[in-house]
Amino acid sequence: DIALAPMEAVKVRIQTQPGWETTLRTGVPRIWKEEGIMGFYKGVVPLWARQIPYTMMKFACFERTVEALYRHVVPKRRDECSKPEQLVVTFVAGYIAGIFCAIVSHPADSIVSKLNSDVGSSMFQAAVSLGFKGMWKGLGARILMIGTLTAAQWFIYDFVKVWFRLPRPPPPEMPESLKKKQSAIQQQQQQ
């Protein structure tokens, strides 16, 4: 992110400020001259606020979605599915994970964009300026983009593993303590 933040700062200014510089090569010196080093890094905290939840959701949601799809949607166990069937499950789970990634990271992404388009603003000022509704503007397009991107990433990852016949971990089994807890809950509900 330390290397990404300056490029993000220039990119957002190019996109949001008509007449501003048009290339990274000319944008970097301009930010340096007008704002100094902090002009490149004022968006790093919201960038982390976007990337950390995004990455956590990408992995956690994907794994849980794969499990749920095999448990409730796919009519057979994963080891009984063909490789193409498994790849379809991977793509669908990746897309669903991408939707959640987009949702948890969108407000912070909006703040990063606002910070980099409003010279001299703070993270708090950018959030106030956007307002609650403004932080969610464009979420539909972001879901489409991030959902597709995340699905493609997981699909490519799984495809490479299948293509090179790399071992795939077996689906995780529920811990014994959780099985007992669920059994007790089901028994209580039946009474």
N, C-alpha and C. Protein backbone atom coordinates (compact mmCIF):
# COMPACT_ATOMS: atom_id res chain seq x y z
N ASP A 1 0.81 -1.20 0.00
CA ASP A 1 0.00 0.00 0.00
C ASP A 1 0.85 1.26 0.00
N ILE A 2 2.04 1.15 0.57
CA ILE A 2 2.93 2.32 0.59
C ILE A 2 3.29 2.71 -0.85
N ALA A 3 3.46 1.72 -1.73
CA ALA A 3 3.74 2.01 -3.13
C ALA A 3 2.46 2.34 -3.90
N LEU A 4 1.34 1.78 -3.48
CA LEU A 4 0.08 1.97 -4.19
C LEU A 4 -0.53 3.35 -3.92
N ALA A 5 -0.42 3.85 -2.71
CA ALA A 5 -1.06 5.11 -2.33
C ALA A 5 -0.71 6.28 -3.24
N PRO A 6 0.56 6.51 -3.59
CA PRO A 6 0.86 7.63 -4.50
C PRO A 6 0.21 7.46 -5.88
N MET A 7 0.20 6.25 -6.39
CA MET A 7 -0.42 6.03 -7.70
C MET A 7 -1.93 6.22 -7.62
N GLU A 8 -2.52 5.77 -6.51
CA GLU A 8 -3.96 5.96 -6.29
C GLU A 8 -4.29 7.44 -6.22
N ALA A 9 -3.45 8.21 -5.53
CA ALA A 9 -3.67 9.66 -5.40
C ALA A 9 -3.66 10.34 -6.77
N VAL A 10 -2.70 9.98 -7.60
CA VAL A 10 -2.62 10.56 -8.95
C VAL A 10 -3.81 10.10 -9.80
N LYS A 11 -4.13 8.81 -9.75
CA LYS A 11 -5.23 8.26 -10.56
C LYS A 11 -6.55 8.95 -10.25
N VAL A 12 -6.85 9.11 -8.98
CA VAL A 12 -8.13 9.73 -8.60
C VAL A 12 -8.18 11.18 -9.07
N ARG A 13 -7.08 11.90 -8.95
CA ARG A 13 -7.08 13.30 -9.41
C ARG A 13 -7.28 13.37 -10.93
N ILE A 14 -6.64 12.49 -11.65
CA ILE A 14 -6.82 12.45 -13.11
C ILE A 14 -8.29 12.19 -13.45
N GLN A 15 -8.93 11.29 -12.70
CA GLN A 15 -10.31 10.91 -12.98
C GLN A 15 -11.32 11.95 -12.54
N THR A 16 -11.02 12.69 -11.47
CA THR A 16 -12.05 13.55 -10.88
C THR A 16 -11.83 15.05 -11.06
N GLN A 17 -10.68 15.45 -11.54
CA GLN A 17 -10.41 16.88 -11.70
C GLN A 17 -10.12 17.21 -13.16
N PRO A 18 -11.14 17.63 -13.89
CA PRO A 18 -10.93 17.96 -15.31
C PRO A 18 -9.85 19.03 -15.47
N GLY A 19 -8.98 18.83 -16.44
CA GLY A 19 -7.91 19.78 -16.69
C GLY A 19 -6.67 19.54 -15.86
N TRP A 20 -6.76 18.61 -14.93
CA TRP A 20 -5.58 18.28 -14.12
C TRP A 20 -4.61 17.52 -15.02
N GLU A 21 -3.50 17.06 -14.51
CA GLU A 21 -2.52 16.31 -15.31
C GLU A 21 -3.17 15.06 -15.92
N THR A 22 -2.52 14.49 -16.91
CA THR A 22 -3.09 13.33 -17.59
C THR A 22 -2.24 12.07 -17.47
N THR A 23 -1.07 12.17 -16.85
CA THR A 23 -0.21 11.00 -16.71
C THR A 23 0.39 10.94 -15.30
N LEU A 24 0.83 9.76 -14.94
CA LEU A 24 1.51 9.56 -13.66
C LEU A 24 2.81 10.38 -13.65
N ARG A 25 3.48 10.42 -14.78
CA ARG A 25 4.77 11.12 -14.89
C ARG A 25 4.64 12.61 -14.61
N THR A 26 3.52 13.21 -14.99
CA THR A 26 3.34 14.65 -14.72
C THR A 26 2.56 14.90 -13.43
N GLY A 27 1.75 13.92 -13.00
CA GLY A 27 0.95 14.08 -11.80
C GLY A 27 1.76 14.02 -10.51
N VAL A 28 2.74 13.11 -10.48
CA VAL A 28 3.56 12.95 -9.27
C VAL A 28 4.29 14.25 -8.91
N PRO A 29 5.00 14.89 -9.84
CA PRO A 29 5.69 16.14 -9.47
C PRO A 29 4.71 17.25 -9.03
N ARG A 30 3.52 17.26 -9.62
CA ARG A 30 2.56 18.30 -9.25
C ARG A 30 2.08 18.11 -7.81
N ILE A 31 1.74 16.90 -7.44
CA ILE A 31 1.32 16.66 -6.05
C ILE A 31 2.46 16.99 -5.10
N TRP A 32 3.67 16.58 -5.45
CA TRP A 32 4.85 16.85 -4.61
C TRP A 32 5.01 18.36 -4.39
N LYS A 33 4.84 19.12 -5.46
CA LYS A 33 5.03 20.57 -5.38
C LYS A 33 3.91 21.23 -4.58
N GLU A 34 2.66 20.80 -4.80
CA GLU A 34 1.51 21.45 -4.17
C GLU A 34 1.24 20.98 -2.74
N GLU A 35 1.50 19.70 -2.44
CA GLU A 35 1.10 19.17 -1.14
C GLU A 35 2.23 18.49 -0.37
N GLY A 36 3.34 18.23 -1.02
CA GLY A 36 4.42 17.53 -0.35
C GLY A 36 4.12 16.04 -0.24
N ILE A 37 4.91 15.36 0.57
CA ILE A 37 4.81 13.90 0.70
C ILE A 37 3.43 13.46 1.21
N MET A 38 2.81 14.27 2.08
CA MET A 38 1.51 13.88 2.64
C MET A 38 0.41 13.88 1.59
N GLY A 39 0.60 14.59 0.51
CA GLY A 39 -0.38 14.55 -0.58
C GLY A 39 -0.53 13.16 -1.17
N PHE A 40 0.53 12.38 -1.09
CA PHE A 40 0.49 11.01 -1.61
C PHE A 40 -0.10 10.02 -0.61
N TYR A 41 0.03 10.33 0.67
CA TYR A 41 -0.32 9.35 1.70
C TYR A 41 -1.53 9.70 2.56
N LYS A 42 -2.22 10.79 2.26
CA LYS A 42 -3.38 11.11 3.09
C LYS A 42 -4.49 10.08 2.92
N GLY A 43 -4.45 9.32 1.86
CA GLY A 43 -5.46 8.29 1.63
C GLY A 43 -5.06 6.91 2.10
N VAL A 44 -3.91 6.77 2.75
CA VAL A 44 -3.43 5.43 3.11
C VAL A 44 -4.28 4.79 4.22
N VAL A 45 -4.73 5.55 5.20
CA VAL A 45 -5.55 4.96 6.27
C VAL A 45 -6.90 4.48 5.71
N PRO A 46 -7.61 5.31 4.93
CA PRO A 46 -8.85 4.78 4.33
C PRO A 46 -8.57 3.66 3.33
N LEU A 47 -7.40 3.69 2.70
CA LEU A 47 -7.03 2.60 1.79
C LEU A 47 -6.94 1.29 2.58
N TRP A 48 -6.33 1.36 3.76
CA TRP A 48 -6.28 0.18 4.63
C TRP A 48 -7.68 -0.19 5.11
N ALA A 49 -8.50 0.83 5.39
CA ALA A 49 -9.87 0.57 5.83
C ALA A 49 -10.67 -0.11 4.71
N ARG A 50 -10.23 0.05 3.49
CA ARG A 50 -10.86 -0.64 2.36
C ARG A 50 -10.26 -2.02 2.17
N GLN A 51 -8.94 -2.11 2.14
CA GLN A 51 -8.26 -3.35 1.78
C GLN A 51 -8.34 -4.44 2.85
N ILE A 52 -8.24 -4.06 4.11
CA ILE A 52 -8.23 -5.08 5.17
C ILE A 52 -9.58 -5.81 5.25
N PRO A 53 -10.71 -5.09 5.36
CA PRO A 53 -11.99 -5.82 5.37
C PRO A 53 -12.25 -6.56 4.06
N TYR A 54 -11.83 -5.95 2.94
CA TYR A 54 -12.01 -6.57 1.63
C TYR A 54 -11.31 -7.94 1.59
N THR A 55 -10.06 -7.96 2.00
CA THR A 55 -9.28 -9.20 1.95
C THR A 55 -9.81 -10.23 2.94
N MET A 56 -10.17 -9.79 4.13
CA MET A 56 -10.73 -10.72 5.11
C MET A 56 -12.01 -11.35 4.57
N MET A 57 -12.87 -10.52 4.00
CA MET A 57 -14.13 -11.02 3.46
C MET A 57 -13.90 -11.94 2.27
N LYS A 58 -12.91 -11.62 1.47
CA LYS A 58 -12.62 -12.42 0.27
C LYS A 58 -12.34 -13.87 0.64
N PHE A 59 -11.56 -14.08 1.68
CA PHE A 59 -11.22 -15.45 2.06
C PHE A 59 -12.30 -16.09 2.93
N ALA A 60 -12.75 -15.39 3.95
CA ALA A 60 -13.73 -15.98 4.87
C ALA A 60 -15.05 -16.29 4.16
N CYS A 61 -15.54 -15.35 3.39
CA CYS A 61 -16.82 -15.55 2.72
C CYS A 61 -16.71 -16.62 1.64
N PHE A 62 -15.61 -16.64 0.92
CA PHE A 62 -15.44 -17.66 -0.12
C PHE A 62 -15.50 -19.06 0.48
N GLU A 63 -14.75 -19.29 1.53
CA GLU A 63 -14.70 -20.62 2.14
C GLU A 63 -16.08 -21.04 2.65
N ARG A 64 -16.75 -20.13 3.33
CA ARG A 64 -18.08 -20.45 3.88
C ARG A 64 -19.10 -20.66 2.76
N THR A 65 -18.98 -19.92 1.70
CA THR A 65 -19.91 -20.06 0.58
C THR A 65 -19.71 -21.38 -0.14
N VAL A 66 -18.46 -21.78 -0.33
CA VAL A 66 -18.19 -23.10 -0.93
C VAL A 66 -18.84 -24.19 -0.09
N GLU A 67 -18.63 -24.12 1.22
CA GLU A 67 -19.22 -25.11 2.11
C GLU A 67 -20.74 -25.12 1.99
N ALA A 68 -21.35 -23.93 2.00
CA ALA A 68 -22.82 -23.83 1.92
C ALA A 68 -23.35 -24.35 0.59
N LEU A 69 -22.65 -24.05 -0.50
CA LEU A 69 -23.10 -24.52 -1.81
C LEU A 69 -23.08 -26.05 -1.88
N TYR A 70 -22.02 -26.66 -1.37
CA TYR A 70 -21.96 -28.12 -1.39
C TYR A 70 -22.98 -28.73 -0.42
N ARG A 71 -23.26 -28.04 0.66
CA ARG A 71 -24.18 -28.58 1.66
C ARG A 71 -25.64 -28.42 1.22
N HIS A 72 -25.99 -27.28 0.57
CA HIS A 72 -27.40 -26.97 0.34
C HIS A 72 -27.82 -26.87 -1.13
N VAL A 73 -26.88 -26.72 -2.05
CA VAL A 73 -27.26 -26.49 -3.45
C VAL A 73 -26.82 -27.64 -4.36
N VAL A 74 -25.57 -28.03 -4.28
CA VAL A 74 -25.04 -29.09 -5.14
C VAL A 74 -25.56 -30.43 -4.62
N PRO A 75 -26.14 -31.25 -5.50
CA PRO A 75 -26.78 -32.49 -5.03
C PRO A 75 -25.82 -33.62 -4.67
N LYS A 76 -24.52 -33.36 -4.71
CA LYS A 76 -23.56 -34.42 -4.35
C LYS A 76 -22.35 -33.79 -3.66
N ARG A 77 -21.55 -34.63 -3.01
CA ARG A 77 -20.36 -34.15 -2.30
C ARG A 77 -19.32 -33.68 -3.31
N ARG A 78 -18.40 -32.81 -2.81
CA ARG A 78 -17.38 -32.26 -3.70
C ARG A 78 -16.54 -33.35 -4.35
N ASP A 79 -16.14 -34.36 -3.59
CA ASP A 79 -15.29 -35.40 -4.16
C ASP A 79 -16.03 -36.27 -5.19
N GLU A 80 -17.35 -36.13 -5.26
CA GLU A 80 -18.13 -36.85 -6.28
C GLU A 80 -18.38 -35.99 -7.52
N CYS A 81 -18.05 -34.71 -7.44
CA CYS A 81 -18.26 -33.79 -8.56
C CYS A 81 -17.08 -33.87 -9.54
N SER A 82 -17.38 -33.65 -10.81
CA SER A 82 -16.31 -33.59 -11.80
C SER A 82 -15.54 -32.28 -11.61
N LYS A 83 -14.37 -32.19 -12.20
CA LYS A 83 -13.56 -30.97 -12.08
C LYS A 83 -14.32 -29.75 -12.64
N PRO A 84 -14.97 -29.86 -13.82
CA PRO A 84 -15.74 -28.70 -14.30
C PRO A 84 -16.86 -28.29 -13.33
N GLU A 85 -17.53 -29.26 -12.72
CA GLU A 85 -18.58 -28.93 -11.75
C GLU A 85 -17.98 -28.21 -10.55
N GLN A 86 -16.83 -28.66 -10.09
CA GLN A 86 -16.16 -28.00 -8.96
C GLN A 86 -15.76 -26.57 -9.33
N LEU A 87 -15.33 -26.37 -10.57
CA LEU A 87 -14.94 -25.03 -11.00
C LEU A 87 -16.15 -24.09 -11.07
N VAL A 88 -17.30 -24.62 -11.43
CA VAL A 88 -18.52 -23.81 -11.43
C VAL A 88 -18.85 -23.37 -10.00
N VAL A 89 -18.74 -24.29 -9.06
CA VAL A 89 -18.97 -23.95 -7.66
C VAL A 89 -17.97 -22.89 -7.21
N THR A 90 -16.73 -23.03 -7.60
CA THR A 90 -15.70 -22.05 -7.27
C THR A 90 -16.07 -20.67 -7.81
N PHE A 91 -16.51 -20.61 -9.07
CA PHE A 91 -16.86 -19.32 -9.68
C PHE A 91 -18.04 -18.68 -8.94
N VAL A 92 -19.07 -19.46 -8.68
CA VAL A 92 -20.26 -18.93 -8.00
C VAL A 92 -19.89 -18.45 -6.59
N ALA A 93 -19.14 -19.25 -5.87
CA ALA A 93 -18.71 -18.85 -4.52
C ALA A 93 -17.84 -17.60 -4.58
N GLY A 94 -16.98 -17.52 -5.58
CA GLY A 94 -16.14 -16.34 -5.75
C GLY A 94 -16.96 -15.10 -6.03
N TYR A 95 -18.00 -15.23 -6.82
CA TYR A 95 -18.86 -14.08 -7.14
C TYR A 95 -19.61 -13.61 -5.89
N ILE A 96 -20.14 -14.57 -5.15
CA ILE A 96 -20.84 -14.21 -3.91
C ILE A 96 -19.88 -13.54 -2.93
N ALA A 97 -18.68 -14.08 -2.79
CA ALA A 97 -17.67 -13.46 -1.92
C ALA A 97 -17.36 -12.04 -2.41
N GLY A 98 -17.28 -11.88 -3.73
CA GLY A 98 -17.01 -10.56 -4.30
C GLY A 98 -18.08 -9.54 -3.97
N ILE A 99 -19.33 -9.98 -3.93
CA ILE A 99 -20.42 -9.08 -3.56
C ILE A 99 -20.20 -8.56 -2.14
N PHE A 100 -19.88 -9.47 -1.23
CA PHE A 100 -19.63 -9.04 0.14
C PHE A 100 -18.37 -8.19 0.25
N CYS A 101 -17.35 -8.50 -0.53
CA CYS A 101 -16.13 -7.67 -0.55
C CYS A 101 -16.47 -6.24 -0.96
N ALA A 102 -17.28 -6.11 -2.00
CA ALA A 102 -17.67 -4.78 -2.48
C ALA A 102 -18.43 -4.01 -1.40
N ILE A 103 -19.34 -4.70 -0.73
CA ILE A 103 -20.16 -4.03 0.28
C ILE A 103 -19.31 -3.53 1.45
N VAL A 104 -18.42 -4.38 1.98
CA VAL A 104 -17.65 -3.96 3.15
C VAL A 104 -16.58 -2.93 2.82
N SER A 105 -16.14 -2.86 1.57
CA SER A 105 -15.05 -1.94 1.24
C SER A 105 -15.52 -0.66 0.54
N HIS A 106 -16.78 -0.59 0.14
CA HIS A 106 -17.24 0.55 -0.66
C HIS A 106 -17.18 1.90 0.06
N PRO A 107 -17.65 2.02 1.31
CA PRO A 107 -17.55 3.34 1.96
C PRO A 107 -16.12 3.85 2.04
N ALA A 108 -15.20 3.00 2.41
CA ALA A 108 -13.79 3.43 2.50
C ALA A 108 -13.24 3.79 1.13
N ASP A 109 -13.65 3.07 0.09
CA ASP A 109 -13.20 3.39 -1.26
C ASP A 109 -13.72 4.76 -1.69
N SER A 110 -14.96 5.05 -1.33
CA SER A 110 -15.53 6.37 -1.64
C SER A 110 -14.77 7.48 -0.93
N ILE A 111 -14.39 7.22 0.33
CA ILE A 111 -13.62 8.22 1.09
C ILE A 111 -12.24 8.43 0.48
N VAL A 112 -11.58 7.35 0.06
CA VAL A 112 -10.26 7.47 -0.60
C VAL A 112 -10.39 8.35 -1.84
N SER A 113 -11.41 8.10 -2.64
CA SER A 113 -11.60 8.89 -3.86
C SER A 113 -11.86 10.36 -3.52
N LYS A 114 -12.69 10.61 -2.53
CA LYS A 114 -13.01 11.98 -2.13
C LYS A 114 -11.78 12.69 -1.58
N LEU A 115 -11.01 11.99 -0.76
CA LEU A 115 -9.78 12.58 -0.20
C LEU A 115 -8.82 13.01 -1.29
N ASN A 116 -8.68 12.15 -2.28
CA ASN A 116 -7.72 12.46 -3.34
C ASN A 116 -8.24 13.47 -4.36
N SER A 117 -9.54 13.71 -4.36
CA SER A 117 -10.07 14.73 -5.28
C SER A 117 -10.20 16.08 -4.60
N ASP A 118 -10.30 16.11 -3.27
CA ASP A 118 -10.42 17.36 -2.52
C ASP A 118 -9.09 17.67 -1.82
N VAL A 119 -8.32 18.53 -2.42
CA VAL A 119 -7.01 18.89 -1.88
C VAL A 119 -7.19 19.50 -0.49
N GLY A 120 -6.40 19.01 0.46
CA GLY A 120 -6.39 19.58 1.81
C GLY A 120 -7.45 19.03 2.75
N SER A 121 -8.29 18.10 2.29
CA SER A 121 -9.33 17.57 3.18
C SER A 121 -8.78 16.41 4.01
N SER A 122 -9.43 16.18 5.15
CA SER A 122 -9.07 15.06 6.01
C SER A 122 -10.04 13.91 5.76
N MET A 123 -9.75 12.76 6.35
CA MET A 123 -10.63 11.61 6.20
C MET A 123 -12.01 11.94 6.76
N PHE A 124 -12.06 12.58 7.91
CA PHE A 124 -13.33 12.95 8.53
C PHE A 124 -14.10 13.94 7.64
N GLN A 125 -13.40 14.94 7.12
CA GLN A 125 -14.05 15.93 6.25
C GLN A 125 -14.60 15.27 4.99
N ALA A 126 -13.85 14.33 4.44
CA ALA A 126 -14.32 13.64 3.24
C ALA A 126 -15.57 12.82 3.55
N ALA A 127 -15.59 12.15 4.70
CA ALA A 127 -16.77 11.36 5.08
C ALA A 127 -17.98 12.25 5.29
N VAL A 128 -17.79 13.38 5.97
CA VAL A 128 -18.90 14.31 6.21
C VAL A 128 -19.39 14.88 4.88
N SER A 129 -18.47 15.25 4.02
CA SER A 129 -18.83 15.82 2.72
C SER A 129 -19.65 14.83 1.88
N LEU A 130 -19.25 13.57 1.92
CA LEU A 130 -19.98 12.55 1.16
C LEU A 130 -21.34 12.26 1.79
N GLY A 131 -21.38 12.22 3.11
CA GLY A 131 -22.59 11.83 3.80
C GLY A 131 -22.80 10.33 3.70
N PHE A 132 -23.71 9.81 4.51
CA PHE A 132 -23.95 8.36 4.51
C PHE A 132 -24.37 7.88 3.13
N LYS A 133 -25.30 8.58 2.53
CA LYS A 133 -25.82 8.18 1.21
C LYS A 133 -24.72 8.24 0.14
N GLY A 134 -23.90 9.29 0.20
CA GLY A 134 -22.84 9.46 -0.78
C GLY A 134 -21.76 8.39 -0.71
N MET A 135 -21.55 7.84 0.50
CA MET A 135 -20.55 6.78 0.64
C MET A 135 -20.99 5.50 -0.05
N TRP A 136 -22.29 5.36 -0.30
CA TRP A 136 -22.82 4.14 -0.93
C TRP A 136 -23.14 4.34 -2.40
N LYS A 137 -22.96 5.56 -2.91
CA LYS A 137 -23.23 5.83 -4.32
C LYS A 137 -22.30 4.99 -5.20
N GLY A 138 -22.87 4.36 -6.20
CA GLY A 138 -22.06 3.55 -7.12
C GLY A 138 -21.84 2.12 -6.66
N LEU A 139 -22.51 1.71 -5.58
CA LEU A 139 -22.30 0.36 -5.06
C LEU A 139 -22.69 -0.72 -6.07
N GLY A 140 -23.77 -0.51 -6.82
CA GLY A 140 -24.20 -1.52 -7.80
C GLY A 140 -23.12 -1.81 -8.83
N ALA A 141 -22.52 -0.75 -9.36
CA ALA A 141 -21.44 -0.94 -10.34
C ALA A 141 -20.23 -1.61 -9.71
N ARG A 142 -19.95 -1.23 -8.46
CA ARG A 142 -18.81 -1.84 -7.75
C ARG A 142 -19.05 -3.33 -7.49
N ILE A 143 -20.30 -3.69 -7.14
CA ILE A 143 -20.63 -5.10 -6.94
C ILE A 143 -20.41 -5.88 -8.22
N LEU A 144 -20.87 -5.33 -9.33
CA LEU A 144 -20.69 -5.99 -10.63
C LEU A 144 -19.20 -6.18 -10.93
N MET A 145 -18.42 -5.12 -10.72
CA MET A 145 -17.00 -5.19 -11.02
C MET A 145 -16.25 -6.12 -10.06
N ILE A 146 -16.43 -5.92 -8.75
CA ILE A 146 -15.69 -6.69 -7.76
C ILE A 146 -16.17 -8.14 -7.73
N GLY A 147 -17.47 -8.36 -7.89
CA GLY A 147 -18.00 -9.73 -7.94
C GLY A 147 -17.36 -10.51 -9.06
N THR A 148 -17.33 -9.90 -10.24
CA THR A 148 -16.74 -10.57 -11.41
C THR A 148 -15.24 -10.78 -11.22
N LEU A 149 -14.56 -9.76 -10.74
CA LEU A 149 -13.11 -9.86 -10.53
C LEU A 149 -12.77 -10.94 -9.51
N THR A 150 -13.48 -10.96 -8.40
CA THR A 150 -13.21 -11.94 -7.35
C THR A 150 -13.52 -13.35 -7.84
N ALA A 151 -14.64 -13.50 -8.56
CA ALA A 151 -14.99 -14.81 -9.12
C ALA A 151 -13.91 -15.28 -10.08
N ALA A 152 -13.42 -14.38 -10.92
CA ALA A 152 -12.37 -14.74 -11.86
C ALA A 152 -11.07 -15.12 -11.14
N GLN A 153 -10.73 -14.39 -10.09
CA GLN A 153 -9.52 -14.71 -9.34
C GLN A 153 -9.60 -16.10 -8.73
N TRP A 154 -10.70 -16.42 -8.06
CA TRP A 154 -10.85 -17.74 -7.46
C TRP A 154 -10.92 -18.83 -8.52
N PHE A 155 -11.58 -18.54 -9.63
CA PHE A 155 -11.68 -19.52 -10.71
C PHE A 155 -10.30 -19.84 -11.28
N ILE A 156 -9.51 -18.80 -11.54
CA ILE A 156 -8.16 -19.00 -12.09
C ILE A 156 -7.30 -19.77 -11.09
N TYR A 157 -7.38 -19.40 -9.82
CA TYR A 157 -6.62 -20.09 -8.78
C TYR A 157 -6.97 -21.58 -8.76
N ASP A 158 -8.25 -21.88 -8.73
CA ASP A 158 -8.69 -23.28 -8.68
C ASP A 158 -8.39 -24.01 -9.99
N PHE A 159 -8.55 -23.32 -11.11
CA PHE A 159 -8.26 -23.93 -12.41
C PHE A 159 -6.80 -24.35 -12.50
N VAL A 160 -5.90 -23.48 -12.04
CA VAL A 160 -4.46 -23.80 -12.07
C VAL A 160 -4.19 -25.03 -11.20
N LYS A 161 -4.83 -25.08 -10.04
CA LYS A 161 -4.64 -26.25 -9.17
C LYS A 161 -5.14 -27.52 -9.86
N VAL A 162 -6.28 -27.43 -10.54
CA VAL A 162 -6.82 -28.60 -11.25
C VAL A 162 -5.92 -28.96 -12.43
N TRP A 163 -5.52 -27.96 -13.21
CA TRP A 163 -4.71 -28.18 -14.41
C TRP A 163 -3.38 -28.87 -14.09
N PHE A 164 -2.73 -28.40 -13.02
CA PHE A 164 -1.44 -28.97 -12.64
C PHE A 164 -1.58 -30.13 -11.64
N ARG A 165 -2.80 -30.52 -11.40
CA ARG A 165 -3.11 -31.63 -10.50
C ARG A 165 -2.48 -31.44 -9.12
N LEU A 166 -2.55 -30.22 -8.64
CA LEU A 166 -2.05 -29.91 -7.31
C LEU A 166 -3.08 -30.40 -6.29
N PRO A 167 -2.62 -30.83 -5.16
CA PRO A 167 -3.58 -31.34 -4.16
C PRO A 167 -4.52 -30.24 -3.68
N ARG A 168 -5.75 -30.61 -3.50
CA ARG A 168 -6.75 -29.68 -2.96
C ARG A 168 -7.14 -30.22 -1.60
N PRO A 169 -7.23 -29.35 -0.63
CA PRO A 169 -7.59 -29.84 0.71
C PRO A 169 -9.01 -30.40 0.71
N PRO A 170 -9.24 -31.39 1.52
CA PRO A 170 -10.61 -31.91 1.62
C PRO A 170 -11.51 -30.85 2.26
N PRO A 171 -12.78 -30.93 1.98
CA PRO A 171 -13.68 -29.96 2.62
C PRO A 171 -13.57 -30.10 4.14
N PRO A 172 -13.55 -28.99 4.85
CA PRO A 172 -13.38 -29.08 6.29
C PRO A 172 -14.58 -29.75 6.95
N GLU A 173 -14.29 -30.51 7.98
CA GLU A 173 -15.36 -31.13 8.73
C GLU A 173 -15.67 -30.27 9.93
N MET A 174 -16.90 -30.33 10.36
CA MET A 174 -17.32 -29.57 11.52
C MET A 174 -16.64 -30.13 12.77
N PRO A 175 -16.09 -29.25 13.62
CA PRO A 175 -15.47 -29.73 14.86
C PRO A 175 -16.49 -30.49 15.72
N GLU A 176 -16.02 -31.48 16.45
CA GLU A 176 -16.91 -32.31 17.27
C GLU A 176 -17.70 -31.48 18.28
N SER A 177 -17.05 -30.47 18.86
CA SER A 177 -17.74 -29.64 19.85
C SER A 177 -18.91 -28.89 19.22
N LEU A 178 -18.75 -28.44 17.98
CA LEU A 178 -19.83 -27.73 17.29
C LEU A 178 -20.94 -28.70 16.89
N LYS A 179 -20.57 -29.92 16.51
CA LYS A 179 -21.59 -30.93 16.19
C LYS A 179 -22.47 -31.19 17.41
N LYS A 180 -21.84 -31.32 18.59
CA LYS A 180 -22.60 -31.56 19.82
C LYS A 180 -23.50 -30.38 20.14
N LYS A 181 -22.98 -29.18 19.96
CA LYS A 181 -23.75 -27.98 20.25
C LYS A 181 -24.98 -27.90 19.33
N GLN A 182 -24.78 -28.14 18.01
CA GLN A 182 -25.90 -28.11 17.07
C GLN A 182 -26.92 -29.20 17.38
N SER A 183 -26.44 -30.36 17.76
CA SER A 183 -27.33 -31.47 18.11
C SER A 183 -28.19 -31.11 19.32
N ALA A 184 -27.57 -30.47 20.31
CA ALA A 184 -28.32 -30.05 21.50
C ALA A 184 -29.37 -29.00 21.15
N ILE A 185 -29.03 -28.08 20.28
CA ILE A 185 -29.97 -27.04 19.85
C ILE A 185 -31.14 -27.67 19.09
N GLN A 186 -30.86 -28.60 18.21
CA GLN A 186 -31.91 -29.27 17.44
C GLN A 186 -32.83 -30.06 18.36
N GLN A 187 -32.26 -30.70 19.38
CA GLN A 187 -33.08 -31.46 20.33
C GLN A 187 -34.00 -30.53 21.12
N GLN A 188 -33.47 -29.34 21.50
CA GLN A 188 -34.28 -28.37 22.22
C GLN A 188 -35.43 -27.86 21.35
N GLN A 189 -35.16 -27.66 20.07
CA GLN A 189 -36.17 -27.16 19.15
C GLN A 189 -37.27 -28.18 18.90
N GLN A 190 -36.92 -29.43 18.97
CA GLN A 190 -37.89 -30.51 18.73
C GLN A 190 -38.80 -30.71 19.93
N GLN A 191 -38.39 -30.26 21.09
CA GLN A 191 -39.18 -30.47 22.31
C GLN A 191 -40.28 -29.47 22.44
